[in-house]
N, C-alpha and C. Protein backbone atom coordinates (compact mmCIF):
# COMPACT_ATOMS: atom_id res chain seq x y z
N UNK A 1 35.76 30.04 20.00
CA UNK A 1 35.07 28.91 20.55
C UNK A 1 35.45 28.75 22.02
N UNK A 2 34.45 28.51 22.84
CA UNK A 2 34.70 28.39 24.27
C UNK A 2 35.28 27.01 24.59
N UNK A 3 36.02 26.98 25.67
CA UNK A 3 36.53 25.72 26.17
C UNK A 3 35.59 25.24 27.27
N UNK A 4 34.87 24.18 26.98
CA UNK A 4 33.94 23.62 27.96
C UNK A 4 34.64 22.53 28.76
N UNK A 5 34.23 22.35 30.00
CA UNK A 5 34.82 21.26 30.79
C UNK A 5 34.54 19.92 30.09
N UNK A 6 35.48 19.00 30.17
CA UNK A 6 35.33 17.71 29.48
C UNK A 6 34.06 16.95 29.84
N UNK A 7 33.63 17.03 31.10
CA UNK A 7 32.43 16.28 31.50
C UNK A 7 31.18 16.80 30.77
N UNK A 8 31.13 18.10 30.45
CA UNK A 8 30.00 18.63 29.71
C UNK A 8 30.02 18.16 28.26
N UNK A 9 31.19 18.13 27.67
CA UNK A 9 31.33 17.67 26.29
C UNK A 9 30.92 16.21 26.20
N UNK A 10 31.36 15.40 27.15
CA UNK A 10 31.02 13.98 27.16
C UNK A 10 29.52 13.79 27.35
N UNK A 11 28.93 14.56 28.24
CA UNK A 11 27.48 14.44 28.49
C UNK A 11 26.69 14.79 27.23
N UNK A 12 27.06 15.89 26.56
CA UNK A 12 26.36 16.28 25.33
C UNK A 12 26.50 15.19 24.26
N UNK A 13 27.68 14.63 24.16
CA UNK A 13 27.91 13.58 23.17
C UNK A 13 27.07 12.34 23.48
N UNK A 14 26.98 11.97 24.74
CA UNK A 14 26.17 10.82 25.14
C UNK A 14 24.69 11.06 24.86
N UNK A 15 24.22 12.27 25.12
CA UNK A 15 22.82 12.61 24.83
C UNK A 15 22.53 12.55 23.34
N UNK A 16 23.45 13.08 22.55
CA UNK A 16 23.29 13.03 21.10
C UNK A 16 23.29 11.59 20.61
N UNK A 17 24.19 10.79 21.13
CA UNK A 17 24.28 9.40 20.73
C UNK A 17 22.99 8.65 21.09
N UNK A 18 22.46 8.89 22.27
CA UNK A 18 21.22 8.25 22.69
C UNK A 18 20.06 8.64 21.76
N UNK A 19 19.99 9.90 21.39
CA UNK A 19 18.94 10.37 20.48
C UNK A 19 19.09 9.73 19.11
N UNK A 20 20.31 9.62 18.62
CA UNK A 20 20.53 8.99 17.32
C UNK A 20 20.14 7.51 17.33
N UNK A 21 20.45 6.81 18.41
CA UNK A 21 20.04 5.40 18.51
C UNK A 21 18.52 5.28 18.58
N UNK A 22 17.85 6.22 19.24
CA UNK A 22 16.39 6.22 19.29
C UNK A 22 15.82 6.38 17.89
N UNK A 23 16.39 7.31 17.13
CA UNK A 23 15.93 7.55 15.77
C UNK A 23 16.18 6.34 14.87
N UNK A 24 17.33 5.69 15.04
CA UNK A 24 17.62 4.49 14.26
C UNK A 24 16.59 3.41 14.57
N UNK A 25 16.26 3.24 15.82
CA UNK A 25 15.26 2.25 16.21
C UNK A 25 13.91 2.54 15.59
N UNK A 26 13.50 3.80 15.59
CA UNK A 26 12.23 4.20 15.00
C UNK A 26 12.23 3.93 13.50
N UNK A 27 13.32 4.25 12.84
CA UNK A 27 13.41 4.01 11.40
C UNK A 27 13.37 2.52 11.07
N UNK A 28 13.95 1.70 11.90
CA UNK A 28 13.89 0.24 11.69
C UNK A 28 12.46 -0.25 11.80
N UNK A 29 11.73 0.23 12.80
CA UNK A 29 10.32 -0.15 12.97
C UNK A 29 9.52 0.27 11.75
N UNK A 30 9.73 1.50 11.30
CA UNK A 30 8.99 2.01 10.14
C UNK A 30 9.34 1.24 8.87
N UNK A 31 10.60 0.89 8.69
CA UNK A 31 11.03 0.14 7.51
C UNK A 31 10.38 -1.25 7.48
N UNK A 32 10.37 -1.94 8.59
CA UNK A 32 9.74 -3.26 8.64
C UNK A 32 8.25 -3.15 8.36
N UNK A 33 7.61 -2.14 8.91
CA UNK A 33 6.18 -1.94 8.68
C UNK A 33 5.93 -1.65 7.21
N UNK A 34 6.77 -0.82 6.63
CA UNK A 34 6.62 -0.44 5.23
C UNK A 34 6.83 -1.62 4.30
N UNK A 35 7.79 -2.47 4.59
CA UNK A 35 8.07 -3.64 3.75
C UNK A 35 6.84 -4.52 3.60
N UNK A 36 6.07 -4.68 4.67
CA UNK A 36 4.91 -5.55 4.58
C UNK A 36 3.69 -4.86 3.98
N UNK A 37 3.76 -3.56 3.76
CA UNK A 37 2.60 -2.82 3.26
C UNK A 37 2.84 -2.09 1.94
N UNK A 38 3.88 -2.46 1.21
CA UNK A 38 4.23 -1.77 -0.02
C UNK A 38 3.48 -2.36 -1.21
N UNK A 39 3.28 -1.58 -2.25
CA UNK A 39 2.68 -2.01 -3.52
C UNK A 39 1.26 -2.55 -3.34
N UNK A 40 0.39 -1.73 -2.86
CA UNK A 40 -1.00 -2.12 -2.65
C UNK A 40 -1.94 -1.08 -3.23
N UNK A 41 -3.18 -1.49 -3.47
CA UNK A 41 -4.20 -0.56 -3.95
C UNK A 41 -4.62 0.36 -2.81
N UNK A 42 -5.37 1.40 -3.13
CA UNK A 42 -5.83 2.34 -2.11
C UNK A 42 -6.68 1.60 -1.07
N UNK A 43 -7.54 0.72 -1.54
CA UNK A 43 -8.40 -0.04 -0.61
C UNK A 43 -7.55 -0.92 0.31
N UNK A 44 -6.55 -1.57 -0.25
CA UNK A 44 -5.68 -2.41 0.57
C UNK A 44 -4.89 -1.56 1.56
N UNK A 45 -4.45 -0.38 1.10
CA UNK A 45 -3.70 0.51 1.99
C UNK A 45 -4.55 0.95 3.18
N UNK A 46 -5.82 1.22 2.92
CA UNK A 46 -6.72 1.61 4.03
C UNK A 46 -6.79 0.51 5.08
N UNK A 47 -6.84 -0.72 4.61
CA UNK A 47 -6.94 -1.86 5.53
C UNK A 47 -5.64 -2.11 6.29
N UNK A 48 -4.53 -1.63 5.75
CA UNK A 48 -3.23 -1.87 6.38
C UNK A 48 -2.95 -0.97 7.57
N UNK A 49 -3.62 0.15 7.62
CA UNK A 49 -3.36 1.09 8.71
C UNK A 49 -3.69 0.43 10.04
N UNK A 50 -2.78 0.53 10.96
CA UNK A 50 -2.93 -0.05 12.30
C UNK A 50 -3.14 1.08 13.30
N UNK A 51 -4.38 1.48 13.55
CA UNK A 51 -4.62 2.64 14.41
C UNK A 51 -4.16 2.45 15.85
N UNK A 52 -4.02 1.22 16.29
CA UNK A 52 -3.60 0.98 17.67
C UNK A 52 -2.10 0.72 17.78
N UNK A 53 -1.35 0.90 16.70
CA UNK A 53 0.10 0.69 16.73
C UNK A 53 0.73 1.77 17.60
N UNK A 54 1.36 1.39 18.71
CA UNK A 54 1.92 2.40 19.62
C UNK A 54 3.22 3.02 19.12
N UNK A 55 3.84 2.41 18.11
CA UNK A 55 5.14 2.90 17.66
C UNK A 55 5.08 3.80 16.44
N UNK A 56 4.03 3.63 15.61
CA UNK A 56 3.92 4.45 14.40
C UNK A 56 2.52 5.05 14.36
N UNK A 57 2.38 6.36 14.55
CA UNK A 57 1.06 6.99 14.53
C UNK A 57 0.40 6.88 13.15
N UNK A 58 -0.91 7.00 13.12
CA UNK A 58 -1.68 6.86 11.88
C UNK A 58 -1.17 7.82 10.81
N UNK A 59 -0.92 9.07 11.16
CA UNK A 59 -0.48 10.02 10.14
C UNK A 59 0.82 9.56 9.49
N UNK A 60 1.73 8.97 10.30
CA UNK A 60 3.02 8.51 9.75
C UNK A 60 2.83 7.26 8.90
N UNK A 61 1.95 6.36 9.32
CA UNK A 61 1.66 5.18 8.50
C UNK A 61 1.13 5.60 7.14
N UNK A 62 0.23 6.57 7.13
CA UNK A 62 -0.31 7.08 5.86
C UNK A 62 0.80 7.68 5.00
N UNK A 63 1.68 8.45 5.60
CA UNK A 63 2.81 9.02 4.85
C UNK A 63 3.68 7.92 4.25
N UNK A 64 3.97 6.90 5.03
CA UNK A 64 4.87 5.85 4.59
C UNK A 64 4.33 5.06 3.40
N UNK A 65 3.03 4.84 3.36
CA UNK A 65 2.48 4.04 2.25
C UNK A 65 1.87 4.91 1.16
N UNK A 66 1.94 6.23 1.31
CA UNK A 66 1.45 7.13 0.27
C UNK A 66 -0.06 7.21 0.21
N UNK A 67 -0.71 7.12 1.35
CA UNK A 67 -2.17 7.21 1.42
C UNK A 67 -2.53 8.53 2.09
N UNK A 68 -3.30 9.38 1.38
CA UNK A 68 -3.73 10.62 2.04
C UNK A 68 -4.51 10.29 3.31
N UNK A 69 -4.20 10.98 4.38
CA UNK A 69 -4.88 10.69 5.65
C UNK A 69 -6.38 10.85 5.54
N UNK A 70 -6.81 11.81 4.74
CA UNK A 70 -8.25 12.00 4.57
C UNK A 70 -8.90 10.78 3.91
N UNK A 71 -8.18 10.11 3.04
CA UNK A 71 -8.71 8.89 2.41
C UNK A 71 -8.88 7.78 3.44
N UNK A 72 -7.98 7.73 4.39
CA UNK A 72 -8.10 6.73 5.45
C UNK A 72 -9.32 7.01 6.30
N UNK A 73 -9.48 8.23 6.77
CA UNK A 73 -10.57 8.56 7.68
C UNK A 73 -11.93 8.61 6.98
N UNK A 74 -11.98 9.02 5.74
CA UNK A 74 -13.28 9.17 5.06
C UNK A 74 -13.88 7.84 4.66
N UNK A 75 -13.13 6.77 4.75
CA UNK A 75 -13.62 5.46 4.32
C UNK A 75 -14.43 4.74 5.38
N UNK A 76 -14.42 5.23 6.61
CA UNK A 76 -15.16 4.55 7.66
C UNK A 76 -16.67 4.76 7.46
N UNK A 77 -17.46 3.67 7.42
CA UNK A 77 -18.90 3.80 7.23
C UNK A 77 -19.53 4.62 8.37
N UNK A 78 -20.32 5.58 7.98
CA UNK A 78 -21.04 6.40 8.95
C UNK A 78 -20.17 7.38 9.72
N UNK A 79 -18.94 7.53 9.34
CA UNK A 79 -18.08 8.44 10.08
C UNK A 79 -18.34 9.89 9.67
N UNK A 80 -18.22 10.74 10.63
CA UNK A 80 -18.35 12.18 10.37
C UNK A 80 -17.08 12.82 10.90
N UNK A 81 -16.35 13.45 10.02
CA UNK A 81 -15.14 14.14 10.43
C UNK A 81 -15.50 15.61 10.66
N UNK A 82 -15.28 16.04 11.87
CA UNK A 82 -15.61 17.43 12.21
C UNK A 82 -14.36 18.26 12.18
N UNK A 83 -14.49 19.40 11.55
CA UNK A 83 -13.38 20.34 11.55
C UNK A 83 -13.57 21.35 12.64
N UNK A 84 -12.48 21.72 13.24
CA UNK A 84 -12.55 22.70 14.34
C UNK A 84 -12.35 24.08 13.83
């Protein structure tokens, strides 16, 4: 194992700590969102998705409440989903 200068070890530790706090914050946001949207029918789950939520993307909201993303998108009246 190499001996790294102490300032590099401290910097790496600080970066790791900052990333872990970011992840904790994200998980807290997701947990609060999930608490208010748990135990619902498929129709209710579709209505719960917040497409403009800047903190939790639609795909993640669908994962959290157990709604297939295709079920969310296919429910929009007159919508056409194009595959690339």
